[in-house]
Amino acid sequence: QVQLVESGGGLVQAGDSLRLSCAASGRTFSRLTMGWFRQAPGKEREFVAAVSGSGGSRAYADSVKGRFTISRDNAKNTVYLQMNNLKPEDTAVYYCAARLAPFLVGMLENEYDYWGQGTQVTVSS
């Protein structure tokens, strides 16, 4: 089992920055690919970003490329999502996810094995 706890969400204005954190426990963290997904009201959950176990491979949704950065600190068992130049359309519940495949950076929900409870990000215009 892997436990994931997100933090760092909040209410910000358009153009602001926010950093989300996700602390993991229960498995060797470096053996997990970590991802961030989000779900806006009335919409399907969608992929945001992912990073491989070593941190060497990353993937981003087109909608966040150039604005968001995913990173991880394997010594702290934590993955981060730095979000810059936030837009109202980034408003969503953000979920951290873990995949038991350290080398495969997946973008599909069903590729991930464990999920956090989510943290709300609201961007006002």
N, C-alpha and C. Protein backbone atom coordinates (compact mmCIF):
# COMPACT_ATOMS: atom_id res chain seq x y z
N GLN A 1 0.83 -1.21 0.00
CA GLN A 1 0.00 0.00 0.00
C GLN A 1 0.86 1.25 0.00
N VAL A 2 0.37 2.26 -0.67
CA VAL A 2 1.03 3.56 -0.70
C VAL A 2 0.02 4.60 -0.22
N GLN A 3 0.46 5.41 0.72
CA GLN A 3 -0.38 6.50 1.20
C GLN A 3 0.16 7.81 0.63
N LEU A 4 -0.75 8.64 0.12
CA LEU A 4 -0.38 9.90 -0.50
C LEU A 4 -1.17 11.02 0.15
N VAL A 5 -0.47 12.07 0.54
CA VAL A 5 -1.13 13.21 1.18
C VAL A 5 -0.69 14.48 0.48
N GLU A 6 -1.65 15.15 -0.16
CA GLU A 6 -1.36 16.39 -0.86
C GLU A 6 -1.52 17.58 0.08
N SER A 7 -0.82 18.65 -0.25
CA SER A 7 -0.96 19.91 0.47
C SER A 7 -0.55 21.04 -0.44
N GLY A 8 -0.89 22.26 -0.04
CA GLY A 8 -0.45 23.42 -0.79
C GLY A 8 -1.50 24.11 -1.63
N GLY A 9 -2.69 23.55 -1.68
CA GLY A 9 -3.74 24.19 -2.47
C GLY A 9 -4.22 25.47 -1.81
N GLY A 10 -5.03 26.23 -2.55
CA GLY A 10 -5.56 27.46 -1.98
C GLY A 10 -6.22 28.32 -3.03
N LEU A 11 -6.54 29.53 -2.62
CA LEU A 11 -7.18 30.51 -3.49
C LEU A 11 -6.14 31.56 -3.88
N VAL A 12 -5.94 31.74 -5.18
CA VAL A 12 -4.98 32.71 -5.67
C VAL A 12 -5.61 33.50 -6.81
N GLN A 13 -4.92 34.54 -7.23
CA GLN A 13 -5.38 35.33 -8.36
C GLN A 13 -4.67 34.90 -9.64
N ALA A 14 -5.28 35.20 -10.74
CA ALA A 14 -4.67 34.89 -12.04
C ALA A 14 -3.28 35.53 -12.11
N GLY A 15 -2.32 34.76 -12.60
CA GLY A 15 -0.95 35.23 -12.70
C GLY A 15 -0.08 34.85 -11.51
N ASP A 16 -0.70 34.44 -10.43
CA ASP A 16 0.04 34.04 -9.23
C ASP A 16 0.66 32.65 -9.40
N SER A 17 1.45 32.29 -8.41
CA SER A 17 2.09 30.97 -8.38
C SER A 17 1.66 30.22 -7.13
N LEU A 18 1.77 28.90 -7.22
CA LEU A 18 1.42 28.03 -6.10
C LEU A 18 2.25 26.76 -6.24
N ARG A 19 2.65 26.19 -5.12
CA ARG A 19 3.36 24.92 -5.18
C ARG A 19 2.61 23.87 -4.38
N LEU A 20 2.27 22.80 -5.05
CA LEU A 20 1.63 21.66 -4.39
C LEU A 20 2.70 20.65 -3.98
N SER A 21 2.44 19.98 -2.88
CA SER A 21 3.32 18.91 -2.41
C SER A 21 2.50 17.65 -2.20
N CYS A 22 3.17 16.53 -2.36
CA CYS A 22 2.52 15.25 -2.10
C CYS A 22 3.54 14.37 -1.38
N ALA A 23 3.23 14.03 -0.15
CA ALA A 23 4.11 13.17 0.64
C ALA A 23 3.63 11.73 0.53
N ALA A 24 4.57 10.84 0.25
CA ALA A 24 4.23 9.43 0.06
C ALA A 24 4.85 8.58 1.15
N SER A 25 4.18 7.49 1.47
CA SER A 25 4.71 6.53 2.42
C SER A 25 4.19 5.15 2.06
N GLY A 26 4.91 4.14 2.52
CA GLY A 26 4.46 2.77 2.33
C GLY A 26 5.26 1.95 1.33
N ARG A 27 5.98 2.62 0.46
CA ARG A 27 6.80 1.90 -0.53
C ARG A 27 8.08 2.69 -0.73
N THR A 28 9.08 2.03 -1.33
CA THR A 28 10.30 2.75 -1.69
C THR A 28 9.95 3.80 -2.73
N PHE A 29 10.11 5.06 -2.34
CA PHE A 29 9.60 6.14 -3.16
C PHE A 29 10.24 6.19 -4.54
N SER A 30 11.52 5.90 -4.62
CA SER A 30 12.21 5.98 -5.92
C SER A 30 11.75 4.91 -6.90
N ARG A 31 10.98 3.96 -6.44
CA ARG A 31 10.44 2.92 -7.32
C ARG A 31 9.05 3.26 -7.81
N LEU A 32 8.61 4.47 -7.55
CA LEU A 32 7.29 4.90 -7.97
C LEU A 32 7.38 6.00 -9.01
N THR A 33 6.65 5.87 -10.09
CA THR A 33 6.40 7.03 -10.94
C THR A 33 5.30 7.83 -10.26
N MET A 34 5.45 9.13 -10.24
CA MET A 34 4.47 9.98 -9.57
C MET A 34 3.81 10.90 -10.58
N GLY A 35 2.53 11.11 -10.41
CA GLY A 35 1.81 11.97 -11.33
C GLY A 35 0.87 12.92 -10.60
N TRP A 36 0.51 13.96 -11.32
CA TRP A 36 -0.53 14.89 -10.85
C TRP A 36 -1.66 14.90 -11.89
N PHE A 37 -2.86 14.82 -11.40
CA PHE A 37 -4.06 14.93 -12.21
C PHE A 37 -4.93 16.02 -11.59
N ARG A 38 -5.91 16.47 -12.35
CA ARG A 38 -6.84 17.44 -11.80
C ARG A 38 -8.24 17.21 -12.34
N GLN A 39 -9.21 17.66 -11.56
CA GLN A 39 -10.60 17.54 -11.96
C GLN A 39 -11.33 18.83 -11.65
N ALA A 40 -11.79 19.48 -12.72
CA ALA A 40 -12.57 20.70 -12.58
C ALA A 40 -14.04 20.33 -12.42
N PRO A 41 -14.84 21.23 -11.85
CA PRO A 41 -16.26 20.94 -11.66
C PRO A 41 -16.95 20.58 -12.98
N GLY A 42 -17.65 19.47 -12.98
CA GLY A 42 -18.38 19.06 -14.16
C GLY A 42 -17.54 18.45 -15.27
N LYS A 43 -16.26 18.23 -14.99
CA LYS A 43 -15.38 17.68 -16.02
C LYS A 43 -14.73 16.39 -15.56
N GLU A 44 -14.19 15.67 -16.54
CA GLU A 44 -13.46 14.45 -16.23
C GLU A 44 -12.10 14.80 -15.61
N ARG A 45 -11.60 13.87 -14.84
CA ARG A 45 -10.25 14.07 -14.31
C ARG A 45 -9.25 13.97 -15.47
N GLU A 46 -8.25 14.86 -15.45
CA GLU A 46 -7.30 14.90 -16.55
C GLU A 46 -5.86 14.90 -16.05
N PHE A 47 -4.99 14.42 -16.89
CA PHE A 47 -3.56 14.37 -16.61
C PHE A 47 -2.98 15.78 -16.59
N VAL A 48 -2.05 16.01 -15.67
CA VAL A 48 -1.33 17.29 -15.61
C VAL A 48 0.16 17.09 -15.86
N ALA A 49 0.78 16.24 -15.06
CA ALA A 49 2.23 16.03 -15.18
C ALA A 49 2.61 14.73 -14.49
N ALA A 50 3.77 14.21 -14.87
CA ALA A 50 4.27 12.99 -14.25
C ALA A 50 5.79 12.99 -14.29
N VAL A 51 6.38 12.27 -13.35
CA VAL A 51 7.84 12.17 -13.28
C VAL A 51 8.22 10.74 -12.92
N SER A 52 9.26 10.23 -13.54
CA SER A 52 9.70 8.86 -13.29
C SER A 52 10.37 8.76 -11.92
N GLY A 53 10.65 7.53 -11.52
CA GLY A 53 11.20 7.29 -10.20
C GLY A 53 12.50 8.01 -9.92
N SER A 54 13.35 8.10 -10.91
CA SER A 54 14.65 8.77 -10.74
C SER A 54 14.55 10.26 -10.94
N GLY A 55 13.44 10.70 -11.52
CA GLY A 55 13.30 12.11 -11.86
C GLY A 55 13.82 12.44 -13.25
N GLY A 56 14.34 11.43 -13.95
CA GLY A 56 14.95 11.69 -15.24
C GLY A 56 13.99 11.90 -16.39
N SER A 57 12.79 11.40 -16.25
CA SER A 57 11.78 11.56 -17.31
C SER A 57 10.56 12.28 -16.77
N ARG A 58 10.06 13.22 -17.56
CA ARG A 58 8.88 13.99 -17.16
C ARG A 58 7.94 14.13 -18.34
N ALA A 59 6.70 14.30 -18.03
CA ALA A 59 5.69 14.53 -19.07
C ALA A 59 4.71 15.57 -18.57
N TYR A 60 4.18 16.36 -19.50
CA TYR A 60 3.24 17.40 -19.15
C TYR A 60 2.07 17.42 -20.13
N ALA A 61 0.93 17.83 -19.63
CA ALA A 61 -0.18 18.12 -20.52
C ALA A 61 0.13 19.39 -21.29
N ASP A 62 -0.35 19.47 -22.52
CA ASP A 62 -0.07 20.65 -23.34
C ASP A 62 -0.56 21.93 -22.66
N SER A 63 -1.65 21.83 -21.93
CA SER A 63 -2.26 23.02 -21.32
C SER A 63 -1.41 23.64 -20.21
N VAL A 64 -0.43 22.89 -19.70
CA VAL A 64 0.39 23.42 -18.60
C VAL A 64 1.87 23.54 -18.96
N LYS A 65 2.25 23.09 -20.14
CA LYS A 65 3.65 23.17 -20.53
C LYS A 65 4.15 24.60 -20.50
N GLY A 66 5.31 24.79 -19.92
CA GLY A 66 5.88 26.12 -19.82
C GLY A 66 5.42 26.90 -18.59
N ARG A 67 4.39 26.40 -17.91
CA ARG A 67 3.90 27.08 -16.71
C ARG A 67 4.07 26.23 -15.45
N PHE A 68 3.90 24.92 -15.60
CA PHE A 68 3.99 24.02 -14.45
C PHE A 68 5.28 23.20 -14.54
N THR A 69 5.83 22.88 -13.38
CA THR A 69 7.01 22.03 -13.31
C THR A 69 6.81 20.98 -12.23
N ILE A 70 7.00 19.73 -12.61
CA ILE A 70 6.94 18.65 -11.63
C ILE A 70 8.36 18.29 -11.22
N SER A 71 8.53 18.03 -9.94
CA SER A 71 9.84 17.61 -9.45
C SER A 71 9.63 16.68 -8.26
N ARG A 72 10.70 16.04 -7.85
CA ARG A 72 10.60 15.13 -6.72
C ARG A 72 11.87 15.17 -5.91
N ASP A 73 11.72 14.88 -4.63
CA ASP A 73 12.85 14.77 -3.72
C ASP A 73 12.74 13.38 -3.11
N ASN A 74 13.53 12.46 -3.61
CA ASN A 74 13.42 11.07 -3.14
C ASN A 74 13.89 10.91 -1.70
N ALA A 75 14.72 11.81 -1.24
CA ALA A 75 15.16 11.76 0.16
C ALA A 75 14.03 12.14 1.11
N LYS A 76 13.08 12.93 0.60
CA LYS A 76 11.95 13.38 1.43
C LYS A 76 10.65 12.66 1.07
N ASN A 77 10.72 11.73 0.12
CA ASN A 77 9.52 11.00 -0.30
C ASN A 77 8.40 11.95 -0.72
N THR A 78 8.77 12.97 -1.45
CA THR A 78 7.80 14.01 -1.79
C THR A 78 7.93 14.40 -3.26
N VAL A 79 6.78 14.61 -3.88
CA VAL A 79 6.73 15.13 -5.23
C VAL A 79 6.05 16.49 -5.19
N TYR A 80 6.50 17.37 -6.06
CA TYR A 80 6.00 18.75 -6.07
C TYR A 80 5.42 19.10 -7.43
N LEU A 81 4.52 20.06 -7.42
CA LEU A 81 4.04 20.64 -8.66
C LEU A 81 4.09 22.16 -8.49
N GLN A 82 5.08 22.75 -9.14
CA GLN A 82 5.20 24.20 -9.12
C GLN A 82 4.34 24.77 -10.24
N MET A 83 3.39 25.61 -9.88
CA MET A 83 2.44 26.16 -10.85
C MET A 83 2.63 27.67 -10.92
N ASN A 84 3.05 28.13 -12.07
CA ASN A 84 3.27 29.56 -12.29
C ASN A 84 2.25 30.10 -13.28
N ASN A 85 2.09 31.41 -13.25
CA ASN A 85 1.17 32.07 -14.18
C ASN A 85 -0.18 31.35 -14.22
N LEU A 86 -0.75 31.16 -13.07
CA LEU A 86 -2.00 30.42 -12.99
C LEU A 86 -3.14 31.17 -13.68
N LYS A 87 -4.03 30.38 -14.26
CA LYS A 87 -5.17 30.92 -14.99
C LYS A 87 -6.46 30.40 -14.34
N PRO A 88 -7.57 31.10 -14.53
CA PRO A 88 -8.84 30.62 -13.95
C PRO A 88 -9.18 29.20 -14.39
N GLU A 89 -8.78 28.82 -15.60
CA GLU A 89 -9.08 27.47 -16.08
C GLU A 89 -8.23 26.41 -15.39
N ASP A 90 -7.28 26.80 -14.58
CA ASP A 90 -6.53 25.84 -13.78
C ASP A 90 -7.27 25.46 -12.50
N THR A 91 -8.38 26.12 -12.24
CA THR A 91 -9.17 25.82 -11.05
C THR A 91 -9.66 24.37 -11.09
N ALA A 92 -9.34 23.62 -10.05
CA ALA A 92 -9.69 22.21 -10.01
C ALA A 92 -9.24 21.62 -8.68
N VAL A 93 -9.68 20.40 -8.44
CA VAL A 93 -9.08 19.61 -7.37
C VAL A 93 -7.90 18.86 -7.98
N TYR A 94 -6.76 19.00 -7.35
CA TYR A 94 -5.53 18.38 -7.85
C TYR A 94 -5.23 17.12 -7.04
N TYR A 95 -4.98 16.05 -7.76
CA TYR A 95 -4.73 14.76 -7.14
C TYR A 95 -3.31 14.28 -7.45
N CYS A 96 -2.69 13.74 -6.45
CA CYS A 96 -1.40 13.09 -6.58
C CYS A 96 -1.66 11.60 -6.81
N ALA A 97 -0.85 10.97 -7.66
CA ALA A 97 -1.03 9.56 -7.95
C ALA A 97 0.33 8.87 -8.03
N ALA A 98 0.34 7.60 -7.70
CA ALA A 98 1.57 6.82 -7.73
C ALA A 98 1.39 5.58 -8.59
N ARG A 99 2.43 5.28 -9.34
CA ARG A 99 2.40 4.12 -10.23
C ARG A 99 3.56 3.21 -9.86
N LEU A 100 3.26 1.88 -9.76
CA LEU A 100 4.28 0.91 -9.38
C LEU A 100 5.14 0.52 -10.58
N ALA A 101 5.67 1.51 -11.27
CA ALA A 101 6.51 1.27 -12.44
C ALA A 101 7.42 2.48 -12.56
N PRO A 102 8.62 2.41 -12.03
CA PRO A 102 9.45 3.60 -11.89
C PRO A 102 9.96 4.22 -13.19
N PHE A 103 9.93 3.43 -14.29
CA PHE A 103 10.51 3.94 -15.54
C PHE A 103 9.47 4.41 -16.55
N LEU A 104 8.21 4.16 -16.26
CA LEU A 104 7.15 4.46 -17.23
C LEU A 104 6.36 5.67 -16.80
N VAL A 105 6.48 6.75 -17.55
CA VAL A 105 5.77 7.98 -17.23
C VAL A 105 4.44 7.96 -17.96
N GLY A 106 3.39 7.56 -17.28
CA GLY A 106 2.10 7.41 -17.92
C GLY A 106 1.23 8.64 -17.78
N MET A 107 0.28 8.76 -18.70
CA MET A 107 -0.63 9.89 -18.71
C MET A 107 -2.09 9.48 -18.51
N LEU A 108 -2.32 8.20 -18.31
CA LEU A 108 -3.69 7.72 -18.18
C LEU A 108 -3.99 7.37 -16.73
N GLU A 109 -5.21 7.68 -16.31
CA GLU A 109 -5.60 7.39 -14.93
C GLU A 109 -5.42 5.94 -14.56
N ASN A 110 -5.80 5.04 -15.49
CA ASN A 110 -5.77 3.62 -15.15
C ASN A 110 -4.36 3.04 -15.10
N GLU A 111 -3.37 3.86 -15.37
CA GLU A 111 -1.98 3.41 -15.24
C GLU A 111 -1.46 3.62 -13.82
N TYR A 112 -2.22 4.32 -13.00
CA TYR A 112 -1.78 4.64 -11.65
C TYR A 112 -2.52 3.78 -10.63
N ASP A 113 -1.77 3.42 -9.59
CA ASP A 113 -2.26 2.43 -8.65
C ASP A 113 -2.80 3.03 -7.35
N TYR A 114 -2.29 4.19 -6.97
CA TYR A 114 -2.69 4.81 -5.70
C TYR A 114 -2.96 6.28 -5.93
N TRP A 115 -3.89 6.80 -5.13
CA TRP A 115 -4.33 8.19 -5.28
C TRP A 115 -4.42 8.87 -3.91
N GLY A 116 -4.13 10.17 -3.93
CA GLY A 116 -4.35 10.97 -2.74
C GLY A 116 -5.79 11.46 -2.67
N GLN A 117 -6.08 12.23 -1.64
CA GLN A 117 -7.45 12.68 -1.42
C GLN A 117 -7.76 13.96 -2.19
N GLY A 118 -6.75 14.62 -2.71
CA GLY A 118 -6.95 15.82 -3.50
C GLY A 118 -6.81 17.10 -2.69
N THR A 119 -6.42 18.15 -3.38
CA THR A 119 -6.31 19.48 -2.77
C THR A 119 -6.90 20.50 -3.75
N GLN A 120 -7.69 21.42 -3.23
CA GLN A 120 -8.39 22.37 -4.09
C GLN A 120 -7.49 23.54 -4.46
N VAL A 121 -7.47 23.85 -5.74
CA VAL A 121 -6.80 25.04 -6.25
C VAL A 121 -7.86 25.90 -6.94
N THR A 122 -8.00 27.13 -6.49
CA THR A 122 -8.96 28.05 -7.09
C THR A 122 -8.23 29.30 -7.54
N VAL A 123 -8.40 29.63 -8.82
CA VAL A 123 -7.74 30.79 -9.40
C VAL A 123 -8.82 31.79 -9.81
N SER A 124 -8.78 32.95 -9.20
CA SER A 124 -9.77 33.98 -9.52
C SER A 124 -9.23 34.90 -10.60
N SER A 125 -10.12 35.44 -11.39
CA SER A 125 -9.71 36.32 -12.50
C SER A 125 -9.63 37.78 -12.05
